mmCIF file of all heavy atoms, coordinates in Angstrom:
data_MODEL
# 
_entry.id   MODEL 
# 
loop_
_atom_site.group_PDB 
_atom_site.id 
_atom_site.type_symbol 
_atom_site.label_atom_id 
_atom_site.label_alt_id 
_atom_site.label_comp_id 
_atom_site.label_asym_id 
_atom_site.label_entity_id 
_atom_site.label_seq_id 
_atom_site.pdbx_PDB_ins_code 
_atom_site.Cartn_x 
_atom_site.Cartn_y 
_atom_site.Cartn_z 
_atom_site.occupancy 
_atom_site.B_iso_or_equiv 
_atom_site.pdbx_formal_charge 
_atom_site.auth_seq_id 
_atom_site.auth_comp_id 
_atom_site.auth_asym_id 
_atom_site.auth_atom_id 
_atom_site.pdbx_PDB_model_num 
ATOM 1   N N   . ARG A 1 1  ? -24.749 29.189 169.951 1.00 0.00 ? 1  ARG A N   1 
ATOM 2   C CA  . ARG A 1 1  ? -24.112 30.462 169.594 1.00 0.00 ? 1  ARG A CA  1 
ATOM 3   C C   . ARG A 1 1  ? -24.425 30.761 168.141 1.00 0.00 ? 1  ARG A C   1 
ATOM 4   O O   . ARG A 1 1  ? -24.570 29.856 167.323 1.00 0.00 ? 1  ARG A O   1 
ATOM 5   C CB  . ARG A 1 1  ? -22.608 30.437 169.847 1.00 0.00 ? 1  ARG A CB  1 
ATOM 6   C CG  . ARG A 1 1  ? -21.886 29.314 169.181 1.00 0.00 ? 1  ARG A CG  1 
ATOM 7   C CD  . ARG A 1 1  ? -20.472 29.146 169.740 1.00 0.00 ? 1  ARG A CD  1 
ATOM 8   N NE  . ARG A 1 1  ? -20.023 27.816 169.417 1.00 0.00 ? 1  ARG A NE  1 
ATOM 9   C CZ  . ARG A 1 1  ? -19.021 27.548 168.621 1.00 0.00 ? 1  ARG A CZ  1 
ATOM 10  N NH1 . ARG A 1 1  ? -18.336 28.507 168.071 1.00 0.00 ? 1  ARG A NH1 1 
ATOM 11  N NH2 . ARG A 1 1  ? -18.676 26.308 168.374 1.00 0.00 ? 1  ARG A NH2 1 
ATOM 12  N N   . ILE A 1 2  ? -24.559 32.019 167.832 1.00 0.00 ? 2  ILE A N   1 
ATOM 13  C CA  . ILE A 1 2  ? -24.888 32.457 166.480 1.00 0.00 ? 2  ILE A CA  1 
ATOM 14  C C   . ILE A 1 2  ? -23.635 33.066 165.864 1.00 0.00 ? 2  ILE A C   1 
ATOM 15  O O   . ILE A 1 2  ? -23.065 34.016 166.396 1.00 0.00 ? 2  ILE A O   1 
ATOM 16  C CB  . ILE A 1 2  ? -26.024 33.502 166.491 1.00 0.00 ? 2  ILE A CB  1 
ATOM 17  C CG1 . ILE A 1 2  ? -27.247 32.963 167.213 1.00 0.00 ? 2  ILE A CG1 1 
ATOM 18  C CG2 . ILE A 1 2  ? -26.365 33.938 165.077 1.00 0.00 ? 2  ILE A CG2 1 
ATOM 19  C CD1 . ILE A 1 2  ? -27.856 31.725 166.619 1.00 0.00 ? 2  ILE A CD1 1 
ATOM 20  N N   . GLU A 1 3  ? -23.222 32.486 164.760 1.00 0.00 ? 3  GLU A N   1 
ATOM 21  C CA  . GLU A 1 3  ? -22.072 32.991 164.014 1.00 0.00 ? 3  GLU A CA  1 
ATOM 22  C C   . GLU A 1 3  ? -22.466 33.044 162.554 1.00 0.00 ? 3  GLU A C   1 
ATOM 23  O O   . GLU A 1 3  ? -22.899 32.036 161.986 1.00 0.00 ? 3  GLU A O   1 
ATOM 24  C CB  . GLU A 1 3  ? -20.865 32.072 164.197 1.00 0.00 ? 3  GLU A CB  1 
ATOM 25  C CG  . GLU A 1 3  ? -20.337 32.027 165.615 1.00 0.00 ? 3  GLU A CG  1 
ATOM 26  C CD  . GLU A 1 3  ? -19.201 31.031 165.781 1.00 0.00 ? 3  GLU A CD  1 
ATOM 27  O OE1 . GLU A 1 3  ? -18.817 30.380 164.800 1.00 0.00 ? 3  GLU A OE1 1 
ATOM 28  O OE2 . GLU A 1 3  ? -18.707 30.915 166.912 1.00 0.00 ? 3  GLU A OE2 1 
ATOM 29  N N   . ALA A 1 4  ? -22.351 34.208 161.954 1.00 0.00 ? 4  ALA A N   1 
ATOM 30  C CA  . ALA A 1 4  ? -22.751 34.376 160.564 1.00 0.00 ? 4  ALA A CA  1 
ATOM 31  C C   . ALA A 1 4  ? -22.013 33.402 159.653 1.00 0.00 ? 4  ALA A C   1 
ATOM 32  O O   . ALA A 1 4  ? -20.845 33.094 159.864 1.00 0.00 ? 4  ALA A O   1 
ATOM 33  C CB  . ALA A 1 4  ? -22.479 35.814 160.129 1.00 0.00 ? 4  ALA A CB  1 
ATOM 34  N N   . GLY A 1 5  ? -22.734 32.897 158.667 1.00 0.00 ? 5  GLY A N   1 
ATOM 35  C CA  . GLY A 1 5  ? -22.135 32.015 157.675 1.00 0.00 ? 5  GLY A CA  1 
ATOM 36  C C   . GLY A 1 5  ? -22.918 30.725 157.513 1.00 0.00 ? 5  GLY A C   1 
ATOM 37  O O   . GLY A 1 5  ? -23.965 30.520 158.112 1.00 0.00 ? 5  GLY A O   1 
ATOM 38  N N   . ARG A 1 6  ? -22.399 29.849 156.676 1.00 0.00 ? 6  ARG A N   1 
ATOM 39  C CA  . ARG A 1 6  ? -23.021 28.555 156.403 1.00 0.00 ? 6  ARG A CA  1 
ATOM 40  C C   . ARG A 1 6  ? -22.459 27.522 157.373 1.00 0.00 ? 6  ARG A C   1 
ATOM 41  O O   . ARG A 1 6  ? -21.248 27.420 157.554 1.00 0.00 ? 6  ARG A O   1 
ATOM 42  C CB  . ARG A 1 6  ? -22.735 28.137 154.970 1.00 0.00 ? 6  ARG A CB  1 
ATOM 43  C CG  . ARG A 1 6  ? -23.349 26.799 154.614 1.00 0.00 ? 6  ARG A CG  1 
ATOM 44  C CD  . ARG A 1 6  ? -23.465 26.603 153.153 1.00 0.00 ? 6  ARG A CD  1 
ATOM 45  N NE  . ARG A 1 6  ? -24.548 27.473 152.708 1.00 0.00 ? 6  ARG A NE  1 
ATOM 46  C CZ  . ARG A 1 6  ? -24.916 27.607 151.450 1.00 0.00 ? 6  ARG A CZ  1 
ATOM 47  N NH1 . ARG A 1 6  ? -24.294 26.934 150.517 1.00 0.00 ? 6  ARG A NH1 1 
ATOM 48  N NH2 . ARG A 1 6  ? -25.906 28.410 151.118 1.00 0.00 ? 6  ARG A NH2 1 
ATOM 49  N N   . HIS A 1 7  ? -23.352 26.768 158.006 1.00 0.00 ? 7  HIS A N   1 
ATOM 50  C CA  . HIS A 1 7  ? -22.962 25.766 158.987 1.00 0.00 ? 7  HIS A CA  1 
ATOM 51  C C   . HIS A 1 7  ? -23.515 24.399 158.570 1.00 0.00 ? 7  HIS A C   1 
ATOM 52  O O   . HIS A 1 7  ? -24.674 24.296 158.169 1.00 0.00 ? 7  HIS A O   1 
ATOM 53  C CB  . HIS A 1 7  ? -23.491 26.127 160.379 1.00 0.00 ? 7  HIS A CB  1 
ATOM 54  C CG  . HIS A 1 7  ? -22.982 27.451 160.855 1.00 0.00 ? 7  HIS A CG  1 
ATOM 55  N ND1 . HIS A 1 7  ? -21.760 27.592 161.465 1.00 0.00 ? 7  HIS A ND1 1 
ATOM 56  C CD2 . HIS A 1 7  ? -23.509 28.694 160.766 1.00 0.00 ? 7  HIS A CD2 1 
ATOM 57  C CE1 . HIS A 1 7  ? -21.567 28.862 161.754 1.00 0.00 ? 7  HIS A CE1 1 
ATOM 58  N NE2 . HIS A 1 7  ? -22.621 29.550 161.328 1.00 0.00 ? 7  HIS A NE2 1 
ATOM 59  N N   . THR A 1 8  ? -22.699 23.374 158.690 1.00 0.00 ? 8  THR A N   1 
ATOM 60  C CA  . THR A 1 8  ? -23.121 22.016 158.388 1.00 0.00 ? 8  THR A CA  1 
ATOM 61  C C   . THR A 1 8  ? -23.697 21.378 159.645 1.00 0.00 ? 8  THR A C   1 
ATOM 62  O O   . THR A 1 8  ? -23.108 21.460 160.716 1.00 0.00 ? 8  THR A O   1 
ATOM 63  C CB  . THR A 1 8  ? -21.927 21.177 157.876 1.00 0.00 ? 8  THR A CB  1 
ATOM 64  O OG1 . THR A 1 8  ? -21.424 21.800 156.684 1.00 0.00 ? 8  THR A OG1 1 
ATOM 65  C CG2 . THR A 1 8  ? -22.348 19.764 157.562 1.00 0.00 ? 8  THR A CG2 1 
ATOM 66  N N   . VAL A 1 9  ? -24.867 20.764 159.501 1.00 0.00 ? 9  VAL A N   1 
ATOM 67  C CA  . VAL A 1 9  ? -25.502 20.035 160.593 1.00 0.00 ? 9  VAL A CA  1 
ATOM 68  C C   . VAL A 1 9  ? -25.418 18.552 160.237 1.00 0.00 ? 9  VAL A C   1 
ATOM 69  O O   . VAL A 1 9  ? -25.784 18.148 159.135 1.00 0.00 ? 9  VAL A O   1 
ATOM 70  C CB  . VAL A 1 9  ? -26.967 20.457 160.789 1.00 0.00 ? 9  VAL A CB  1 
ATOM 71  C CG1 . VAL A 1 9  ? -27.635 19.619 161.869 1.00 0.00 ? 9  VAL A CG1 1 
ATOM 72  C CG2 . VAL A 1 9  ? -27.045 21.937 161.128 1.00 0.00 ? 9  VAL A CG2 1 
ATOM 73  N N   . VAL A 1 10 ? -24.904 17.754 161.172 1.00 0.00 ? 10 VAL A N   1 
ATOM 74  C CA  . VAL A 1 10 ? -24.742 16.315 160.958 1.00 0.00 ? 10 VAL A CA  1 
ATOM 75  C C   . VAL A 1 10 ? -25.687 15.569 161.888 1.00 0.00 ? 10 VAL A C   1 
ATOM 76  O O   . VAL A 1 10 ? -25.692 15.809 163.098 1.00 0.00 ? 10 VAL A O   1 
ATOM 77  C CB  . VAL A 1 10 ? -23.285 15.867 161.222 1.00 0.00 ? 10 VAL A CB  1 
ATOM 78  C CG1 . VAL A 1 10 ? -23.145 14.354 161.063 1.00 0.00 ? 10 VAL A CG1 1 
ATOM 79  C CG2 . VAL A 1 10 ? -22.327 16.605 160.308 1.00 0.00 ? 10 VAL A CG2 1 
ATOM 80  N N   . ALA A 1 11 ? -26.497 14.679 161.324 1.00 0.00 ? 11 ALA A N   1 
ATOM 81  C CA  . ALA A 1 11 ? -27.373 13.802 162.109 1.00 0.00 ? 11 ALA A CA  1 
ATOM 82  C C   . ALA A 1 11 ? -26.733 12.417 162.092 1.00 0.00 ? 11 ALA A C   1 
ATOM 83  O O   . ALA A 1 11 ? -26.546 11.824 161.031 1.00 0.00 ? 11 ALA A O   1 
ATOM 84  C CB  . ALA A 1 11 ? -28.767 13.764 161.510 1.00 0.00 ? 11 ALA A CB  1 
ATOM 85  N N   . ASP A 1 12 ? -26.380 11.914 163.260 1.00 0.00 ? 12 ASP A N   1 
ATOM 86  C CA  . ASP A 1 12 ? -25.740 10.602 163.372 1.00 0.00 ? 12 ASP A CA  1 
ATOM 87  C C   . ASP A 1 12 ? -26.732 9.647  164.025 1.00 0.00 ? 12 ASP A C   1 
ATOM 88  O O   . ASP A 1 12 ? -27.132 9.838  165.171 1.00 0.00 ? 12 ASP A O   1 
ATOM 89  C CB  . ASP A 1 12 ? -24.473 10.718 164.211 1.00 0.00 ? 12 ASP A CB  1 
ATOM 90  C CG  . ASP A 1 12 ? -23.617 9.470  164.138 1.00 0.00 ? 12 ASP A CG  1 
ATOM 91  O OD1 . ASP A 1 12 ? -24.089 8.436  163.626 1.00 0.00 ? 12 ASP A OD1 1 
ATOM 92  O OD2 . ASP A 1 12 ? -22.469 9.539  164.596 1.00 0.00 ? 12 ASP A OD2 1 
ATOM 93  N N   . CYS A 1 13 ? -27.133 8.604  163.272 1.00 0.00 ? 13 CYS A N   1 
ATOM 94  C CA  . CYS A 1 13 ? -28.143 7.671  163.759 1.00 0.00 ? 13 CYS A CA  1 
ATOM 95  C C   . CYS A 1 13 ? -27.867 6.251  163.253 1.00 0.00 ? 13 CYS A C   1 
ATOM 96  O O   . CYS A 1 13 ? -28.773 5.524  162.894 1.00 0.00 ? 13 CYS A O   1 
ATOM 97  C CB  . CYS A 1 13 ? -29.530 8.108  163.303 1.00 0.00 ? 13 CYS A CB  1 
ATOM 98  S SG  . CYS A 1 13 ? -29.690 8.225  161.509 1.00 0.00 ? 13 CYS A SG  1 
ATOM 99  N N   . GLY A 1 14 ? -26.624 5.890  163.212 1.00 0.00 ? 14 GLY A N   1 
ATOM 100 C CA  . GLY A 1 14 ? -26.243 4.621  162.598 1.00 0.00 ? 14 GLY A CA  1 
ATOM 101 C C   . GLY A 1 14 ? -25.724 4.878  161.191 1.00 0.00 ? 14 GLY A C   1 
ATOM 102 O O   . GLY A 1 14 ? -24.872 4.172  160.686 1.00 0.00 ? 14 GLY A O   1 
ATOM 103 N N   . VAL A 1 15 ? -26.247 5.919  160.562 1.00 0.00 ? 15 VAL A N   1 
ATOM 104 C CA  . VAL A 1 15 ? -25.717 6.486  159.323 1.00 0.00 ? 15 VAL A CA  1 
ATOM 105 C C   . VAL A 1 15 ? -25.527 7.969  159.594 1.00 0.00 ? 15 VAL A C   1 
ATOM 106 O O   . VAL A 1 15 ? -26.054 8.504  160.568 1.00 0.00 ? 15 VAL A O   1 
ATOM 107 C CB  . VAL A 1 15 ? -26.683 6.269  158.118 1.00 0.00 ? 15 VAL A CB  1 
ATOM 108 C CG1 . VAL A 1 15 ? -26.838 4.811  157.809 1.00 0.00 ? 15 VAL A CG1 1 
ATOM 109 C CG2 . VAL A 1 15 ? -28.028 6.911  158.351 1.00 0.00 ? 15 VAL A CG2 1 
ATOM 110 N N   . ARG A 1 16 ? -24.748 8.636  158.737 1.00 0.00 ? 16 ARG A N   1 
ATOM 111 C CA  . ARG A 1 16 ? -24.522 10.077 158.921 1.00 0.00 ? 16 ARG A CA  1 
ATOM 112 C C   . ARG A 1 16 ? -25.233 10.830 157.806 1.00 0.00 ? 16 ARG A C   1 
ATOM 113 O O   . ARG A 1 16 ? -24.950 10.629 156.639 1.00 0.00 ? 16 ARG A O   1 
ATOM 114 C CB  . ARG A 1 16 ? -23.032 10.384 158.917 1.00 0.00 ? 16 ARG A CB  1 
ATOM 115 C CG  . ARG A 1 16 ? -22.327 9.896  160.174 1.00 0.00 ? 16 ARG A CG  1 
ATOM 116 C CD  . ARG A 1 16 ? -20.815 10.093 160.131 1.00 0.00 ? 16 ARG A CD  1 
ATOM 117 N NE  . ARG A 1 16 ? -20.403 11.462 159.949 1.00 0.00 ? 16 ARG A NE  1 
ATOM 118 C CZ  . ARG A 1 16 ? -20.116 12.305 160.943 1.00 0.00 ? 16 ARG A CZ  1 
ATOM 119 N NH1 . ARG A 1 16 ? -20.215 11.892 162.186 1.00 0.00 ? 16 ARG A NH1 1 
ATOM 120 N NH2 . ARG A 1 16 ? -19.725 13.524 160.699 1.00 0.00 ? 16 ARG A NH2 1 
ATOM 121 N N   . LEU A 1 17 ? -26.158 11.701 158.218 1.00 0.00 ? 17 LEU A N   1 
ATOM 122 C CA  . LEU A 1 17 ? -26.888 12.551 157.290 1.00 0.00 ? 17 LEU A CA  1 
ATOM 123 C C   . LEU A 1 17 ? -26.420 13.980 157.511 1.00 0.00 ? 17 LEU A C   1 
ATOM 124 O O   . LEU A 1 17 ? -26.203 14.396 158.647 1.00 0.00 ? 17 LEU A O   1 
ATOM 125 C CB  . LEU A 1 17 ? -28.397 12.444 157.556 1.00 0.00 ? 17 LEU A CB  1 
ATOM 126 C CG  . LEU A 1 17 ? -28.968 11.028 157.593 1.00 0.00 ? 17 LEU A CG  1 
ATOM 127 C CD1 . LEU A 1 17 ? -30.409 11.045 158.098 1.00 0.00 ? 17 LEU A CD1 1 
ATOM 128 C CD2 . LEU A 1 17 ? -28.900 10.392 156.214 1.00 0.00 ? 17 LEU A CD2 1 
ATOM 129 N N   . THR A 1 18 ? -26.262 14.742 156.438 1.00 0.00 ? 18 THR A N   1 
ATOM 130 C CA  . THR A 1 18 ? -25.789 16.122 156.575 1.00 0.00 ? 18 THR A CA  1 
ATOM 131 C C   . THR A 1 18 ? -26.716 17.099 155.865 1.00 0.00 ? 18 THR A C   1 
ATOM 132 O O   . THR A 1 18 ? -27.392 16.754 154.903 1.00 0.00 ? 18 THR A O   1 
ATOM 133 C CB  . THR A 1 18 ? -24.358 16.301 156.015 1.00 0.00 ? 18 THR A CB  1 
ATOM 134 O OG1 . THR A 1 18 ? -24.365 15.990 154.626 1.00 0.00 ? 18 THR A OG1 1 
ATOM 135 C CG2 . THR A 1 18 ? -23.371 15.418 156.735 1.00 0.00 ? 18 THR A CG2 1 
ATOM 136 N N   . GLY A 1 19 ? -26.727 18.308 156.365 1.00 0.00 ? 19 GLY A N   1 
ATOM 137 C CA  . GLY A 1 19 ? -27.461 19.417 155.760 1.00 0.00 ? 19 GLY A CA  1 
ATOM 138 C C   . GLY A 1 19 ? -26.759 20.704 156.137 1.00 0.00 ? 19 GLY A C   1 
ATOM 139 O O   . GLY A 1 19 ? -25.845 20.701 156.960 1.00 0.00 ? 19 GLY A O   1 
ATOM 140 N N   . THR A 1 20 ? -27.164 21.800 155.535 1.00 0.00 ? 20 THR A N   1 
ATOM 141 C CA  . THR A 1 20 ? -26.529 23.083 155.841 1.00 0.00 ? 20 THR A CA  1 
ATOM 142 C C   . THR A 1 20 ? -27.565 24.098 156.299 1.00 0.00 ? 20 THR A C   1 
ATOM 143 O O   . THR A 1 20 ? -28.738 24.027 155.936 1.00 0.00 ? 20 THR A O   1 
ATOM 144 C CB  . THR A 1 20 ? -25.775 23.662 154.626 1.00 0.00 ? 20 THR A CB  1 
ATOM 145 O OG1 . THR A 1 20 ? -26.686 23.816 153.543 1.00 0.00 ? 20 THR A OG1 1 
ATOM 146 C CG2 . THR A 1 20 ? -24.629 22.770 154.222 1.00 0.00 ? 20 THR A CG2 1 
ATOM 147 N N   . VAL A 1 21 ? -27.102 25.044 157.109 1.00 0.00 ? 21 VAL A N   1 
ATOM 148 C CA  . VAL A 1 21 ? -27.921 26.145 157.617 1.00 0.00 ? 21 VAL A CA  1 
ATOM 149 C C   . VAL A 1 21 ? -27.124 27.424 157.427 1.00 0.00 ? 21 VAL A C   1 
ATOM 150 O O   . VAL A 1 21 ? -25.943 27.484 157.759 1.00 0.00 ? 21 VAL A O   1 
ATOM 151 C CB  . VAL A 1 21 ? -28.226 25.951 159.121 1.00 0.00 ? 21 VAL A CB  1 
ATOM 152 C CG1 . VAL A 1 21 ? -28.961 27.152 159.677 1.00 0.00 ? 21 VAL A CG1 1 
ATOM 153 C CG2 . VAL A 1 21 ? -29.018 24.687 159.350 1.00 0.00 ? 21 VAL A CG2 1 
ATOM 154 N N   . ASP A 1 22 ? -27.771 28.450 156.888 1.00 0.00 ? 22 ASP A N   1 
ATOM 155 C CA  . ASP A 1 22 ? -27.142 29.756 156.772 1.00 0.00 ? 22 ASP A CA  1 
ATOM 156 C C   . ASP A 1 22 ? -27.615 30.627 157.926 1.00 0.00 ? 22 ASP A C   1 
ATOM 157 O O   . ASP A 1 22 ? -28.821 30.797 158.129 1.00 0.00 ? 22 ASP A O   1 
ATOM 158 C CB  . ASP A 1 22 ? -27.508 30.429 155.452 1.00 0.00 ? 22 ASP A CB  1 
ATOM 159 C CG  . ASP A 1 22 ? -26.873 29.750 154.255 1.00 0.00 ? 22 ASP A CG  1 
ATOM 160 O OD1 . ASP A 1 22 ? -25.732 29.277 154.371 1.00 0.00 ? 22 ASP A OD1 1 
ATOM 161 O OD2 . ASP A 1 22 ? -27.524 29.698 153.206 1.00 0.00 ? 22 ASP A OD2 1 
ATOM 162 N N   . GLN A 1 23 ? -26.672 31.154 158.693 1.00 0.00 ? 23 GLN A N   1 
ATOM 163 C CA  . GLN A 1 23 ? -27.002 32.071 159.783 1.00 0.00 ? 23 GLN A CA  1 
ATOM 164 C C   . GLN A 1 23 ? -26.614 33.477 159.369 1.00 0.00 ? 23 GLN A C   1 
ATOM 165 O O   . GLN A 1 23 ? -25.517 33.708 158.873 1.00 0.00 ? 23 GLN A O   1 
ATOM 166 C CB  . GLN A 1 23 ? -26.254 31.693 161.059 1.00 0.00 ? 23 GLN A CB  1 
ATOM 167 C CG  . GLN A 1 23 ? -26.725 30.414 161.679 1.00 0.00 ? 23 GLN A CG  1 
ATOM 168 C CD  . GLN A 1 23 ? -26.008 30.133 162.990 1.00 0.00 ? 23 GLN A CD  1 
ATOM 169 O OE1 . GLN A 1 23 ? -25.165 30.895 163.446 1.00 0.00 ? 23 GLN A OE1 1 
ATOM 170 N NE2 . GLN A 1 23 ? -26.340 29.016 163.597 1.00 0.00 ? 23 GLN A NE2 1 
ATOM 171 N N   . VAL A 1 24 ? -27.532 34.408 159.587 1.00 0.00 ? 24 VAL A N   1 
ATOM 172 C CA  . VAL A 1 24 ? -27.295 35.811 159.261 1.00 0.00 ? 24 VAL A CA  1 
ATOM 173 C C   . VAL A 1 24 ? -27.447 36.612 160.541 1.00 0.00 ? 24 VAL A C   1 
ATOM 174 O O   . VAL A 1 24 ? -28.416 36.446 161.272 1.00 0.00 ? 24 VAL A O   1 
ATOM 175 C CB  . VAL A 1 24 ? -28.309 36.305 158.207 1.00 0.00 ? 24 VAL A CB  1 
ATOM 176 C CG1 . VAL A 1 24 ? -28.100 37.770 157.902 1.00 0.00 ? 24 VAL A CG1 1 
ATOM 177 C CG2 . VAL A 1 24 ? -28.206 35.463 156.940 1.00 0.00 ? 24 VAL A CG2 1 
ATOM 178 N N   . VAL A 1 25 ? -26.480 37.465 160.816 1.00 0.00 ? 25 VAL A N   1 
ATOM 179 C CA  . VAL A 1 25 ? -26.511 38.296 162.018 1.00 0.00 ? 25 VAL A CA  1 
ATOM 180 C C   . VAL A 1 25 ? -26.808 39.724 161.589 1.00 0.00 ? 25 VAL A C   1 
ATOM 181 O O   . VAL A 1 25 ? -26.165 40.267 160.699 1.00 0.00 ? 25 VAL A O   1 
ATOM 182 C CB  . VAL A 1 25 ? -25.162 38.231 162.769 1.00 0.00 ? 25 VAL A CB  1 
ATOM 183 C CG1 . VAL A 1 25 ? -25.190 39.132 163.989 1.00 0.00 ? 25 VAL A CG1 1 
ATOM 184 C CG2 . VAL A 1 25 ? -24.844 36.802 163.143 1.00 0.00 ? 25 VAL A CG2 1 
ATOM 185 N N   . THR A 1 26 ? -27.815 40.335 162.221 1.00 0.00 ? 26 THR A N   1 
ATOM 186 C CA  . THR A 1 26 ? -28.139 41.730 161.942 1.00 0.00 ? 26 THR A CA  1 
ATOM 187 C C   . THR A 1 26 ? -27.988 42.525 163.231 1.00 0.00 ? 26 THR A C   1 
ATOM 188 O O   . THR A 1 26 ? -28.016 41.969 164.316 1.00 0.00 ? 26 THR A O   1 
ATOM 189 C CB  . THR A 1 26 ? -29.578 41.881 161.422 1.00 0.00 ? 26 THR A CB  1 
ATOM 190 O OG1 . THR A 1 26 ? -30.481 41.421 162.419 1.00 0.00 ? 26 THR A OG1 1 
ATOM 191 C CG2 . THR A 1 26 ? -29.786 41.093 160.143 1.00 0.00 ? 26 THR A CG2 1 
ATOM 192 N N   . SER A 1 27 ? -27.810 43.812 163.081 1.00 0.00 ? 27 SER A N   1 
ATOM 193 C CA  . SER A 1 27 ? -27.694 44.647 164.274 1.00 0.00 ? 27 SER A CA  1 
ATOM 194 C C   . SER A 1 27 ? -28.373 45.977 164.023 1.00 0.00 ? 27 SER A C   1 
ATOM 195 O O   . SER A 1 27 ? -28.613 46.373 162.893 1.00 0.00 ? 27 SER A O   1 
ATOM 196 C CB  . SER A 1 27 ? -26.224 44.868 164.639 1.00 0.00 ? 27 SER A CB  1 
ATOM 197 O OG  . SER A 1 27 ? -25.586 45.597 163.611 1.00 0.00 ? 27 SER A OG  1 
ATOM 198 N N   . SER A 1 28 ? -28.667 46.656 165.101 1.00 0.00 ? 28 SER A N   1 
ATOM 199 C CA  . SER A 1 28 ? -29.269 47.979 165.039 1.00 0.00 ? 28 SER A CA  1 
ATOM 200 C C   . SER A 1 28 ? -28.590 48.841 166.092 1.00 0.00 ? 28 SER A C   1 
ATOM 201 O O   . SER A 1 28 ? -28.382 48.406 167.213 1.00 0.00 ? 28 SER A O   1 
ATOM 202 C CB  . SER A 1 28 ? -30.769 47.883 165.327 1.00 0.00 ? 28 SER A CB  1 
ATOM 203 O OG  . SER A 1 28 ? -31.308 49.175 165.388 1.00 0.00 ? 28 SER A OG  1 
# 
C-alpha cells in the first residue's frame, strides 16, 4: 500500500538493519 510520508524499512537477518523511504502520492 502507498501512503505518503517517511517509512522505516527494517531488515532482520540475525541483526536488525534499518533505513527510510519517502513515499509521495500525486494525483491528476
